[in-house]
Amino acid sequence: MRISAVGFGCGGLMQSPFRKERMTVLASAVEHGITHFDTARMYGLGRAEAEIGLFLRTLNRDAVTVATKFGIGVGVAGRLGRFQAPARALLRKAPALRRAVKRRQRDGETARLYDAAAASRSLDNSLAALEVDYVDILFVHGPRPFDTVARDELGEFFERAHQQGKIRGWGVSQDEGLEVDFAAAFAPHGVSQVRSDALNPSSRPADIGFGVFNRPYLTLSDALRGDARLAGQWRETLQADPLAPGVLPRLILASAATATGCRAILYSTTDPRRVAEAARALSAPPDPETQARFLALVEQFRRDRAS
């Protein structure tokens, strides 16, 4: 299976309040060569898959790849799915309420069971929401060290779903607890997807990396703005101002695959212009020498921060 070097992460898609805006950003992705879309049952308070399904109606299905995930439910928040624009606006304006909601979500977390029955139900619901006959990848979504992943029966289920034409591939998408390699149970055919970035690379390589941009961009831009000496060193080494518009984002995105050891990366935004910038960063990256100098500076920054 081939997917685009940069895929579109749909976790924040529904943060855009209007459907026209959501369709525009998805169309911008395809226009700029981003043809892999990554979603999950719980994204957008349970509404993201249906939104992507609407968009897929405008395309040749075989021209794109779609990944979804199972195992993390929406819970009571799913009841707000139809009203999430005003709900999200309320949470943005009320930080105390937002913190209380997140705290309740954390406090209510219990061990999750990832088994064949859950996978089967979730896949059928995903196919219905997306209005497609198959998804390209079905991921085990975010298992943690204390969760139970029924490896043997899931392996049998994945093979069966593949034979039925419901999925083309399968694997594990892991956000935390990376000291436990859940993906190894489905090797060599399973797809491994992990959270990883240049400043916090995963301890093991993966097929797809997500979360590659925001954390390093915020950390590095804050550090460079706050330390004139550091900014001067980077400017001299890169022979360019890292704080000039677009320079740091382009360097981070262009070098993300190398920095994380991933063959593809996911990028997420609600701004069509940033989609275009992300695509250009990979299609027309800085020269290899500049990328190498940038990664050396990042590695030095990591060491200095750790010491």
C-alpha atoms as a PDB file:
ATOM      1  CA  MET A   1       0.000   0.000   0.000  1.00  0.00           C
ATOM      2  CA  ARG A   2       1.272   3.462  -0.895  1.00  0.00           C
ATOM      3  CA  ILE A   3       0.157   6.567   0.974  1.00  0.00           C
ATOM      4  CA  SER A   4       1.154  10.193   0.458  1.00  0.00           C
ATOM      5  CA  ALA A   5       4.318  11.288   2.266  1.00  0.00           C
ATOM      6  CA  VAL A   6       2.215  13.665   4.332  1.00  0.00           C
ATOM      7  CA  GLY A   7      -1.261  12.655   5.423  1.00  0.00           C
ATOM      8  CA  PHE A   8      -4.063  14.798   6.804  1.00  0.00           C
ATOM      9  CA  GLY A   9      -4.905  14.190  10.460  1.00  0.00           C
ATOM     10  CA  CYS A  10      -8.624  14.712  11.055  1.00  0.00           C
ATOM     11  CA  GLY A  11      -8.574  14.873  14.852  1.00  0.00           C
ATOM     12  CA  GLY A  12      -9.176  18.640  14.818  1.00  0.00           C
ATOM     13  CA  LEU A  13     -11.329  18.824  11.690  1.00  0.00           C
ATOM     14  CA  MET A  14     -14.573  19.566  13.539  1.00  0.00           C
ATOM     15  CA  GLN A  15     -13.003  22.511  15.343  1.00  0.00           C
ATOM     16  CA  SER A  16     -13.809  24.438  12.201  1.00  0.00           C
ATOM     17  CA  PRO A  17     -17.400  25.574  12.882  1.00  0.00           C
ATOM     18  CA  PHE A  18     -18.785  25.554   9.353  1.00  0.00           C
ATOM     19  CA  ARG A  19     -19.067  22.677   6.892  1.00  0.00           C
ATOM     20  CA  LYS A  20     -17.975  24.829   3.965  1.00  0.00           C
ATOM     21  CA  GLU A  21     -14.696  25.541   5.779  1.00  0.00           C
ATOM     22  CA  ARG A  22     -14.184  21.857   6.574  1.00  0.00           C
ATOM     23  CA  MET A  23     -14.781  20.828   2.954  1.00  0.00           C
ATOM     24  CA  THR A  24     -12.387  23.558   1.785  1.00  0.00           C
ATOM     25  CA  VAL A  25      -9.513  22.364   3.956  1.00  0.00           C
ATOM     26  CA  LEU A  26     -10.030  18.739   2.885  1.00  0.00           C
ATOM     27  CA  ALA A  27     -10.156  19.773  -0.776  1.00  0.00           C
ATOM     28  CA  SER A  28      -6.987  21.815  -0.313  1.00  0.00           C
ATOM     29  CA  ALA A  29      -5.238  18.702   0.968  1.00  0.00           C
ATOM     30  CA  VAL A  30      -6.095  16.696  -2.144  1.00  0.00           C
ATOM     31  CA  GLU A  31      -5.267  19.637  -4.410  1.00  0.00           C
ATOM     32  CA  HIS A  32      -1.753  19.727  -2.964  1.00  0.00           C
ATOM     33  CA  GLY A  33      -1.096  15.992  -3.139  1.00  0.00           C
ATOM     34  CA  ILE A  34      -2.127  15.010   0.397  1.00  0.00           C
ATOM     35  CA  THR A  35      -4.278  11.981  -0.312  1.00  0.00           C
ATOM     36  CA  HIS A  36      -4.135  10.055   2.970  1.00  0.00           C
ATOM     37  CA  PHE A  37      -6.765  10.871   5.607  1.00  0.00           C
ATOM     38  CA  ASP A  38      -6.486   9.673   9.189  1.00  0.00           C
ATOM     39  CA  THR A  39      -9.554   9.631  11.435  1.00  0.00           C
ATOM     40  CA  ALA A  40     -11.088   7.658  14.307  1.00  0.00           C
ATOM     41  CA  ARG A  41     -14.499   6.771  15.716  1.00  0.00           C
ATOM     42  CA  MET A  42     -14.110   9.295  18.526  1.00  0.00           C
ATOM     43  CA  TYR A  43     -12.765  12.249  16.535  1.00  0.00           C
ATOM     44  CA  GLY A  44     -14.963  15.326  16.443  1.00  0.00           C
ATOM     45  CA  LEU A  45     -17.121  13.999  19.278  1.00  0.00           C
ATOM     46  CA  GLY A  46     -17.993  11.096  17.009  1.00  0.00           C
ATOM     47  CA  ARG A  47     -18.833  13.202  13.944  1.00  0.00           C
ATOM     48  CA  ALA A  48     -15.562  13.401  11.992  1.00  0.00           C
ATOM     49  CA  GLU A  49     -16.034  10.157  10.063  1.00  0.00           C
ATOM     50  CA  ALA A  50     -19.403  11.258   8.693  1.00  0.00           C
ATOM     51  CA  GLU A  51     -17.881  14.571   7.628  1.00  0.00           C
ATOM     52  CA  ILE A  52     -15.080  12.810   5.773  1.00  0.00           C
ATOM     53  CA  GLY A  53     -17.701  10.547   4.205  1.00  0.00           C
ATOM     54  CA  LEU A  54     -19.421  13.587   2.724  1.00  0.00           C
ATOM     55  CA  PHE A  55     -16.126  14.729   1.269  1.00  0.00           C
ATOM     56  CA  LEU A  56     -15.325  11.308  -0.179  1.00  0.00           C
ATOM     57  CA  ARG A  57     -18.509  11.478  -2.254  1.00  0.00           C
ATOM     58  CA  THR A  58     -16.798  14.149  -4.362  1.00  0.00           C
ATOM     59  CA  LEU A  59     -13.773  11.959  -5.138  1.00  0.00           C
ATOM     60  CA  ASN A  60     -12.769   8.756  -6.804  1.00  0.00           C
ATOM     61  CA  ARG A  61     -12.521   6.542  -3.703  1.00  0.00           C
ATOM     62  CA  ASP A  62      -9.466   4.725  -5.028  1.00  0.00           C
ATOM     63  CA  ALA A  63      -7.601   8.034  -5.423  1.00  0.00           C
ATOM     64  CA  VAL A  64      -7.243   8.425  -1.638  1.00  0.00           C
ATOM     65  CA  THR A  65      -6.423   6.250   1.351  1.00  0.00           C
ATOM     66  CA  VAL A  66      -8.399   6.384   4.588  1.00  0.00           C
ATOM     67  CA  ALA A  67      -7.379   5.125   8.013  1.00  0.00           C
ATOM     68  CA  THR A  68      -9.648   4.899  11.020  1.00  0.00           C
ATOM     69  CA  LYS A  69      -9.311   3.516  14.525  1.00  0.00           C
ATOM     70  CA  PHE A  70     -11.260   1.621  17.144  1.00  0.00           C
ATOM     71  CA  GLY A  71     -11.157   1.233  20.888  1.00  0.00           C
ATOM     72  CA  ILE A  72     -11.640   4.700  22.378  1.00  0.00           C
ATOM     73  CA  GLY A  73     -15.266   5.688  22.849  1.00  0.00           C
ATOM     74  CA  VAL A  74     -16.715   9.167  22.765  1.00  0.00           C
ATOM     75  CA  GLY A  75     -18.665   8.630  25.972  1.00  0.00           C
ATOM     76  CA  VAL A  76     -21.177  11.210  27.151  1.00  0.00           C
ATOM     77  CA  ALA A  77     -19.434  13.872  25.055  1.00  0.00           C
ATOM     78  CA  GLY A  78     -20.884  12.153  21.989  1.00  0.00           C
ATOM     79  CA  ARG A  79     -24.277  13.576  22.896  1.00  0.00           C
ATOM     80  CA  LEU A  80     -22.874  16.999  22.077  1.00  0.00           C
ATOM     81  CA  GLY A  81     -21.747  15.925  18.613  1.00  0.00           C
ATOM     82  CA  ARG A  82     -24.575  17.718  16.829  1.00  0.00           C
ATOM     83  CA  PHE A  83     -24.010  20.856  18.867  1.00  0.00           C
ATOM     84  CA  GLN A  84     -20.248  20.876  19.086  1.00  0.00           C
ATOM     85  CA  ALA A  85     -19.698  24.300  17.516  1.00  0.00           C
ATOM     86  CA  PRO A  86     -21.432  26.150  20.376  1.00  0.00           C
ATOM     87  CA  ALA A  87     -20.086  23.610  22.887  1.00  0.00           C
ATOM     88  CA  ARG A  88     -16.489  24.166  21.732  1.00  0.00           C
ATOM     89  CA  ALA A  89     -17.034  27.947  21.751  1.00  0.00           C
ATOM     90  CA  LEU A  90     -18.276  27.733  25.336  1.00  0.00           C
ATOM     91  CA  LEU A  91     -15.257  25.680  26.414  1.00  0.00           C
ATOM     92  CA  ARG A  92     -12.868  28.131  24.742  1.00  0.00           C
ATOM     93  CA  LYS A  93     -14.426  31.028  26.648  1.00  0.00           C
ATOM     94  CA  ALA A  94     -14.498  29.170  29.969  1.00  0.00           C
ATOM     95  CA  PRO A  95     -11.010  27.805  30.792  1.00  0.00           C
ATOM     96  CA  ALA A  96     -12.129  26.587  34.229  1.00  0.00           C
ATOM     97  CA  LEU A  97     -14.931  24.561  32.651  1.00  0.00           C
ATOM     98  CA  ARG A  98     -12.531  23.164  30.043  1.00  0.00           C
ATOM     99  CA  ARG A  99     -10.109  22.059  32.761  1.00  0.00           C
ATOM    100  CA  ALA A 100     -12.952  20.442  34.714  1.00  0.00           C
ATOM    101  CA  VAL A 101     -14.085  18.469  31.656  1.00  0.00           C
ATOM    102  CA  LYS A 102     -10.549  17.236  30.962  1.00  0.00           C
ATOM    103  CA  ARG A 103     -10.048  16.345  34.610  1.00  0.00           C
ATOM    104  CA  ARG A 104     -13.278  14.354  34.626  1.00  0.00           C
ATOM    105  CA  GLN A 105     -12.201  12.516  31.485  1.00  0.00           C
ATOM    106  CA  ARG A 106      -8.865  11.584  33.095  1.00  0.00           C
ATOM    107  CA  ASP A 107     -10.410  10.592  36.414  1.00  0.00           C
ATOM    108  CA  GLY A 108     -12.946   8.398  34.667  1.00  0.00           C
ATOM    109  CA  GLU A 109     -10.407   6.449  32.634  1.00  0.00           C
ATOM    110  CA  THR A 110     -10.381   2.732  33.199  1.00  0.00           C
ATOM    111  CA  ALA A 111      -8.514  -0.058  31.480  1.00  0.00           C
ATOM    112  CA  ARG A 112      -9.775  -0.634  27.946  1.00  0.00           C
ATOM    113  CA  LEU A 113     -10.313  -3.989  26.241  1.00  0.00           C
ATOM    114  CA  TYR A 114      -9.414  -4.222  22.570  1.00  0.00           C
ATOM    115  CA  ASP A 115     -10.924  -7.440  21.261  1.00  0.00           C
ATOM    116  CA  ALA A 116     -12.464  -8.801  18.059  1.00  0.00           C
ATOM    117  CA  ALA A 117     -16.046  -7.997  19.067  1.00  0.00           C
ATOM    118  CA  ALA A 118     -15.200  -4.332  19.711  1.00  0.00           C
ATOM    119  CA  ALA A 119     -13.210  -4.127  16.492  1.00  0.00           C
ATOM    120  CA  SER A 120     -16.023  -5.646  14.435  1.00  0.00           C
ATOM    121  CA  ARG A 121     -18.694  -3.311  15.820  1.00  0.00           C
ATOM    122  CA  SER A 122     -16.501  -0.265  15.407  1.00  0.00           C
ATOM    123  CA  LEU A 123     -15.457  -1.142  11.858  1.00  0.00           C
ATOM    124  CA  ASP A 124     -19.050  -1.608  10.720  1.00  0.00           C
ATOM    125  CA  ASN A 125     -19.993   1.721  12.289  1.00  0.00           C
ATOM    126  CA  SER A 126     -17.005   3.391  10.617  1.00  0.00           C
ATOM    127  CA  LEU A 127     -17.887   2.004   7.195  1.00  0.00           C
ATOM    128  CA  ALA A 128     -21.466   3.244   7.610  1.00  0.00           C
ATOM    129  CA  ALA A 129     -20.386   6.706   8.755  1.00  0.00           C
ATOM    130  CA  LEU A 130     -17.787   7.052   6.004  1.00  0.00           C
ATOM    131  CA  GLU A 131     -20.218   5.578   3.457  1.00  0.00           C
ATOM    132  CA  VAL A 132     -17.498   3.359   1.994  1.00  0.00           C
ATOM    133  CA  ASP A 133     -17.091  -0.359   1.413  1.00  0.00           C
ATOM    134  CA  TYR A 134     -13.609  -0.514   2.910  1.00  0.00           C
ATOM    135  CA  VAL A 135     -10.982   1.446   4.819  1.00  0.00           C
ATOM    136  CA  ASP A 136      -7.336   1.220   3.913  1.00  0.00           C
ATOM    137  CA  ILE A 137      -6.036   0.845   7.476  1.00  0.00           C
ATOM    138  CA  LEU A 138      -7.848  -0.055  10.698  1.00  0.00           C
ATOM    139  CA  PHE A 139      -5.821   0.853  13.779  1.00  0.00           C
ATOM    140  CA  VAL A 140      -5.985  -0.268  17.376  1.00  0.00           C
ATOM    141  CA  HIS A 141      -6.420   3.197  18.901  1.00  0.00           C
ATOM    142  CA  GLY A 142      -4.092   4.359  21.632  1.00  0.00           C
ATOM    143  CA  PRO A 143      -3.556   1.268  23.816  1.00  0.00           C
ATOM    144  CA  ARG A 144      -1.765   1.990  27.106  1.00  0.00           C
ATOM    145  CA  PRO A 145       0.432  -0.385  29.119  1.00  0.00           C
ATOM    146  CA  PHE A 146      -2.445  -1.261  31.482  1.00  0.00           C
ATOM    147  CA  ASP A 147      -4.956  -1.926  28.670  1.00  0.00           C
ATOM    148  CA  THR A 148      -5.691  -5.401  27.307  1.00  0.00           C
ATOM    149  CA  VAL A 149      -5.082  -6.057  23.615  1.00  0.00           C
ATOM    150  CA  ALA A 150      -6.386  -9.489  22.618  1.00  0.00           C
ATOM    151  CA  ARG A 151      -3.649 -10.049  20.071  1.00  0.00           C
ATOM    152  CA  ASP A 152      -4.524 -13.513  18.800  1.00  0.00           C
ATOM    153  CA  GLU A 153      -8.228 -12.941  18.214  1.00  0.00           C
ATOM    154  CA  LEU A 154      -7.582  -9.484  16.773  1.00  0.00           C
ATOM    155  CA  GLY A 155      -5.051 -10.961  14.379  1.00  0.00           C
ATOM    156  CA  GLU A 156      -7.679 -13.445  13.206  1.00  0.00           C
ATOM    157  CA  PHE A 157     -10.272 -10.687  12.922  1.00  0.00           C
ATOM    158  CA  PHE A 158      -7.977  -8.476  10.851  1.00  0.00           C
ATOM    159  CA  GLU A 159      -7.228 -11.336   8.463  1.00  0.00           C
ATOM    160  CA  ARG A 160     -10.930 -12.138   8.156  1.00  0.00           C
ATOM    161  CA  ALA A 161     -11.916  -8.498   7.558  1.00  0.00           C
ATOM    162  CA  HIS A 162      -9.177  -8.265   4.945  1.00  0.00           C
ATOM    163  CA  GLN A 163     -10.489 -11.341   3.145  1.00  0.00           C
ATOM    164  CA  GLN A 164     -13.991  -9.833   3.264  1.00  0.00           C
ATOM    165  CA  GLY A 165     -12.698  -6.685   1.589  1.00  0.00           C
ATOM    166  CA  LYS A 166     -13.504  -4.427   4.536  1.00  0.00           C
ATOM    167  CA  ILE A 167      -9.894  -3.412   5.242  1.00  0.00           C
ATOM    168  CA  ARG A 168      -6.686  -3.361   3.233  1.00  0.00           C
ATOM    169  CA  GLY A 169      -4.347  -3.154   6.214  1.00  0.00           C
ATOM    170  CA  TRP A 170      -4.259  -2.953   9.992  1.00  0.00           C
ATOM    171  CA  GLY A 171      -2.004  -1.993  12.843  1.00  0.00           C
ATOM    172  CA  VAL A 172      -1.598   0.041  16.020  1.00  0.00           C
ATOM    173  CA  SER A 173      -1.680   3.811  16.543  1.00  0.00           C
ATOM    174  CA  GLN A 174       0.032   4.551  19.854  1.00  0.00           C
ATOM    175  CA  ASP A 175       0.125   7.874  21.664  1.00  0.00           C
ATOM    176  CA  GLU A 176       1.525   7.046  25.093  1.00  0.00           C
ATOM    177  CA  GLY A 177       3.130   4.153  26.919  1.00  0.00           C
ATOM    178  CA  LEU A 178       5.510   3.640  24.012  1.00  0.00           C
ATOM    179  CA  GLU A 179       7.709   1.439  26.176  1.00  0.00           C
ATOM    180  CA  VAL A 180       5.217  -1.316  25.306  1.00  0.00           C
ATOM    181  CA  ASP A 181       5.373  -2.191  21.603  1.00  0.00           C
ATOM    182  CA  PHE A 182       1.812  -3.309  20.863  1.00  0.00           C
ATOM    183  CA  ALA A 183       2.495  -3.133  17.126  1.00  0.00           C
ATOM    184  CA  ALA A 184       5.055  -5.949  17.335  1.00  0.00           C
ATOM    185  CA  ALA A 185       2.241  -8.466  17.819  1.00  0.00           C
ATOM    186  CA  PHE A 186       0.984  -7.777  14.299  1.00  0.00           C
ATOM    187  CA  ALA A 187       4.369  -7.702  12.537  1.00  0.00           C
ATOM    188  CA  PRO A 188       5.441  -8.017   9.812  1.00  0.00           C
ATOM    189  CA  HIS A 189       2.167  -7.022   8.138  1.00  0.00           C
ATOM    190  CA  GLY A 190       0.870  -4.528  10.701  1.00  0.00           C
ATOM    191  CA  VAL A 191       1.235  -0.777  10.248  1.00  0.00           C
ATOM    192  CA  SER A 192       2.834   1.079  13.155  1.00  0.00           C
ATOM    193  CA  GLN A 193       1.766   4.667  13.836  1.00  0.00           C
ATOM    194  CA  VAL A 194       3.215   6.601  16.791  1.00  0.00           C
ATOM    195  CA  ARG A 195       3.387  10.080  18.267  1.00  0.00           C
ATOM    196  CA  SER A 196       6.871  11.359  17.539  1.00  0.00           C
ATOM    197  CA  ASP A 197       8.625  14.626  16.797  1.00  0.00           C
ATOM    198  CA  ALA A 198      12.137  16.012  16.410  1.00  0.00           C
ATOM    199  CA  LEU A 199      12.420  16.986  20.087  1.00  0.00           C
ATOM    200  CA  ASN A 200      10.594  13.931  21.421  1.00  0.00           C
ATOM    201  CA  PRO A 201      11.338  11.113  18.968  1.00  0.00           C
ATOM    202  CA  SER A 202       9.785   7.735  19.568  1.00  0.00           C
ATOM    203  CA  SER A 203      12.106   5.078  20.965  1.00  0.00           C
ATOM    204  CA  ARG A 204      11.419   2.962  17.895  1.00  0.00           C
ATOM    205  CA  PRO A 205      10.860   3.716  14.204  1.00  0.00           C
ATOM    206  CA  ALA A 206       7.357   3.518  12.761  1.00  0.00           C
ATOM    207  CA  ASP A 207       5.604   3.620   9.425  1.00  0.00           C
ATOM    208  CA  ILE A 208       3.637   6.801  10.202  1.00  0.00           C
ATOM    209  CA  GLY A 209       4.370   9.572  12.693  1.00  0.00           C
ATOM    210  CA  PHE A 210       1.827  12.003  14.094  1.00  0.00           C
ATOM    211  CA  GLY A 211       2.143  15.053  16.326  1.00  0.00           C
ATOM    212  CA  VAL A 212       5.288  15.965  14.402  1.00  0.00           C
ATOM    213  CA  PHE A 213       4.751  19.729  14.215  1.00  0.00           C
ATOM    214  CA  ASN A 214       3.056  21.575  17.082  1.00  0.00           C
ATOM    215  CA  ARG A 215       5.269  20.645  20.022  1.00  0.00           C
ATOM    216  CA  PRO A 216       8.634  21.292  18.339  1.00  0.00           C
ATOM    217  CA  TYR A 217       7.386  24.478  16.662  1.00  0.00           C
ATOM    218  CA  LEU A 218       6.061  26.013  19.886  1.00  0.00           C
ATOM    219  CA  THR A 219       9.096  24.938  21.919  1.00  0.00           C
ATOM    220  CA  LEU A 220      11.706  26.098  19.418  1.00  0.00           C
ATOM    221  CA  SER A 221      10.018  29.358  18.452  1.00  0.00           C
ATOM    222  CA  ASP A 222       9.571  30.303  22.127  1.00  0.00           C
ATOM    223  CA  ALA A 223      13.214  29.469  22.860  1.00  0.00           C
ATOM    224  CA  LEU A 224      14.536  31.411  19.874  1.00  0.00           C
ATOM    225  CA  ARG A 225      12.407  34.461  20.668  1.00  0.00           C
ATOM    226  CA  GLY A 226      13.471  34.392  24.284  1.00  0.00           C
ATOM    227  CA  ASP A 227      17.206  33.912  23.753  1.00  0.00           C
ATOM    228  CA  ALA A 228      18.903  36.350  21.363  1.00  0.00           C
ATOM    229  CA  ARG A 229      22.205  34.466  21.625  1.00  0.00           C
ATOM    230  CA  LEU A 230      20.552  31.169  20.623  1.00  0.00           C
ATOM    231  CA  ALA A 231      18.689  32.846  17.768  1.00  0.00           C
ATOM    232  CA  GLY A 232      21.948  34.364  16.523  1.00  0.00           C
ATOM    233  CA  GLN A 233      23.688  30.999  16.599  1.00  0.00           C
ATOM    234  CA  TRP A 234      20.878  29.385  14.609  1.00  0.00           C
ATOM    235  CA  ARG A 235      20.785  32.274  12.139  1.00  0.00           C
ATOM    236  CA  GLU A 236      24.520  31.974  11.513  1.00  0.00           C
ATOM    237  CA  THR A 237      24.474  28.170  11.186  1.00  0.00           C
ATOM    238  CA  LEU A 238      21.403  28.015   8.942  1.00  0.00           C
ATOM    239  CA  GLN A 239      22.379  31.152   7.010  1.00  0.00           C
ATOM    240  CA  ALA A 240      18.736  32.168   7.380  1.00  0.00           C
ATOM    241  CA  ASP A 241      16.583  33.705  10.086  1.00  0.00           C
ATOM    242  CA  PRO A 242      14.704  30.817  11.768  1.00  0.00           C
ATOM    243  CA  LEU A 243      12.068  33.281  13.014  1.00  0.00           C
ATOM    244  CA  ALA A 244      11.321  34.688   9.564  1.00  0.00           C
ATOM    245  CA  PRO A 245       7.798  33.772   8.393  1.00  0.00           C
ATOM    246  CA  GLY A 246       7.591  30.184   7.216  1.00  0.00           C
ATOM    247  CA  VAL A 247      11.243  29.256   7.763  1.00  0.00           C
ATOM    248  CA  LEU A 248      10.959  27.222  10.974  1.00  0.00           C
ATOM    249  CA  PRO A 249       7.707  25.446   9.960  1.00  0.00           C
ATOM    250  CA  ARG A 250       9.258  24.446   6.631  1.00  0.00           C
ATOM    251  CA  LEU A 251      12.378  23.076   8.305  1.00  0.00           C
ATOM    252  CA  ILE A 252      10.410  21.122  10.908  1.00  0.00           C
ATOM    253  CA  LEU A 253       8.042  19.560   8.390  1.00  0.00           C
ATOM    254  CA  ALA A 254      10.678  18.840   5.745  1.00  0.00           C
ATOM    255  CA  SER A 255      12.914  17.046   8.247  1.00  0.00           C
ATOM    256  CA  ALA A 256      10.153  15.362  10.290  1.00  0.00           C
ATOM    257  CA  ALA A 257      10.395  11.972   8.606  1.00  0.00           C
ATOM    258  CA  THR A 258      14.177  11.857   9.065  1.00  0.00           C
ATOM    259  CA  ALA A 259      13.996  13.102  12.653  1.00  0.00           C
ATOM    260  CA  THR A 260      11.371  10.547  13.668  1.00  0.00           C
ATOM    261  CA  GLY A 261      12.422   7.595  11.526  1.00  0.00           C
ATOM    262  CA  CYS A 262       8.945   7.432   9.952  1.00  0.00           C
ATOM    263  CA  ARG A 263       8.176   6.869   6.307  1.00  0.00           C
ATOM    264  CA  ALA A 264       5.169   9.211   6.344  1.00  0.00           C
ATOM    265  CA  ILE A 265       3.866  11.915   8.662  1.00  0.00           C
ATOM    266  CA  LEU A 266       0.467  13.354   9.540  1.00  0.00           C
ATOM    267  CA  TYR A 267      -0.305  17.050   9.593  1.00  0.00           C
ATOM    268  CA  SER A 268      -3.450  18.667  10.952  1.00  0.00           C
ATOM    269  CA  THR A 269      -4.907  22.147  10.534  1.00  0.00           C
ATOM    270  CA  THR A 270      -8.168  23.938   9.812  1.00  0.00           C
ATOM    271  CA  ASP A 271      -6.440  26.512   7.571  1.00  0.00           C
ATOM    272  CA  PRO A 272      -6.229  25.618   3.850  1.00  0.00           C
ATOM    273  CA  ARG A 273      -3.181  27.887   3.434  1.00  0.00           C
ATOM    274  CA  ARG A 274      -1.228  25.879   5.987  1.00  0.00           C
ATOM    275  CA  VAL A 275      -2.137  22.673   4.182  1.00  0.00           C
ATOM    276  CA  ALA A 276      -0.492  24.091   1.082  1.00  0.00           C
ATOM    277  CA  GLU A 277       2.581  25.139   3.068  1.00  0.00           C
ATOM    278  CA  ALA A 278       2.922  21.661   4.588  1.00  0.00           C
ATOM    279  CA  ALA A 279       2.688  20.025   1.188  1.00  0.00           C
ATOM    280  CA  ARG A 280       5.308  22.386  -0.255  1.00  0.00           C
ATOM    281  CA  ALA A 281       7.661  21.703   2.653  1.00  0.00           C
ATOM    282  CA  LEU A 282       7.855  18.083   1.560  1.00  0.00           C
ATOM    283  CA  SER A 283       7.586  18.517  -2.208  1.00  0.00           C
ATOM    284  CA  ALA A 284      10.177  21.313  -2.306  1.00  0.00           C
ATOM    285  CA  PRO A 285      12.244  20.919   0.870  1.00  0.00           C
ATOM    286  CA  PRO A 286      15.364  22.903   1.796  1.00  0.00           C
ATOM    287  CA  ASP A 287      18.572  21.427   0.433  1.00  0.00           C
ATOM    288  CA  PRO A 288      19.964  18.380   2.287  1.00  0.00           C
ATOM    289  CA  GLU A 289      22.841  20.354   3.802  1.00  0.00           C
ATOM    290  CA  THR A 290      20.451  22.879   5.359  1.00  0.00           C
ATOM    291  CA  GLN A 291      18.281  20.079   6.725  1.00  0.00           C
ATOM    292  CA  ALA A 292      21.335  18.361   8.200  1.00  0.00           C
ATOM    293  CA  ARG A 293      22.444  21.602   9.892  1.00  0.00           C
ATOM    294  CA  PHE A 294      18.930  22.106  11.256  1.00  0.00           C
ATOM    295  CA  LEU A 295      18.732  18.586  12.692  1.00  0.00           C
ATOM    296  CA  ALA A 296      22.157  19.041  14.303  1.00  0.00           C
ATOM    297  CA  LEU A 297      20.928  22.247  15.963  1.00  0.00           C
ATOM    298  CA  VAL A 298      17.787  20.461  17.168  1.00  0.00           C
ATOM    299  CA  GLU A 299      19.856  17.623  18.619  1.00  0.00           C
ATOM    300  CA  GLN A 300      22.106  20.100  20.429  1.00  0.00           C
ATOM    301  CA  PHE A 301      19.018  21.887  21.762  1.00  0.00           C
ATOM    302  CA  ARG A 302      17.687  18.559  23.044  1.00  0.00           C
ATOM    303  CA  ARG A 303      20.957  17.780  24.833  1.00  0.00           C
ATOM    304  CA  ASP A 304      21.195  21.242  26.372  1.00  0.00           C
ATOM    305  CA  ARG A 305      17.610  21.041  27.586  1.00  0.00           C
ATOM    306  CA  ALA A 306      18.203  17.620  29.144  1.00  0.00           C
ATOM    307  CA  SER A 307      21.405  18.652  30.949  1.00  0.00           C
END
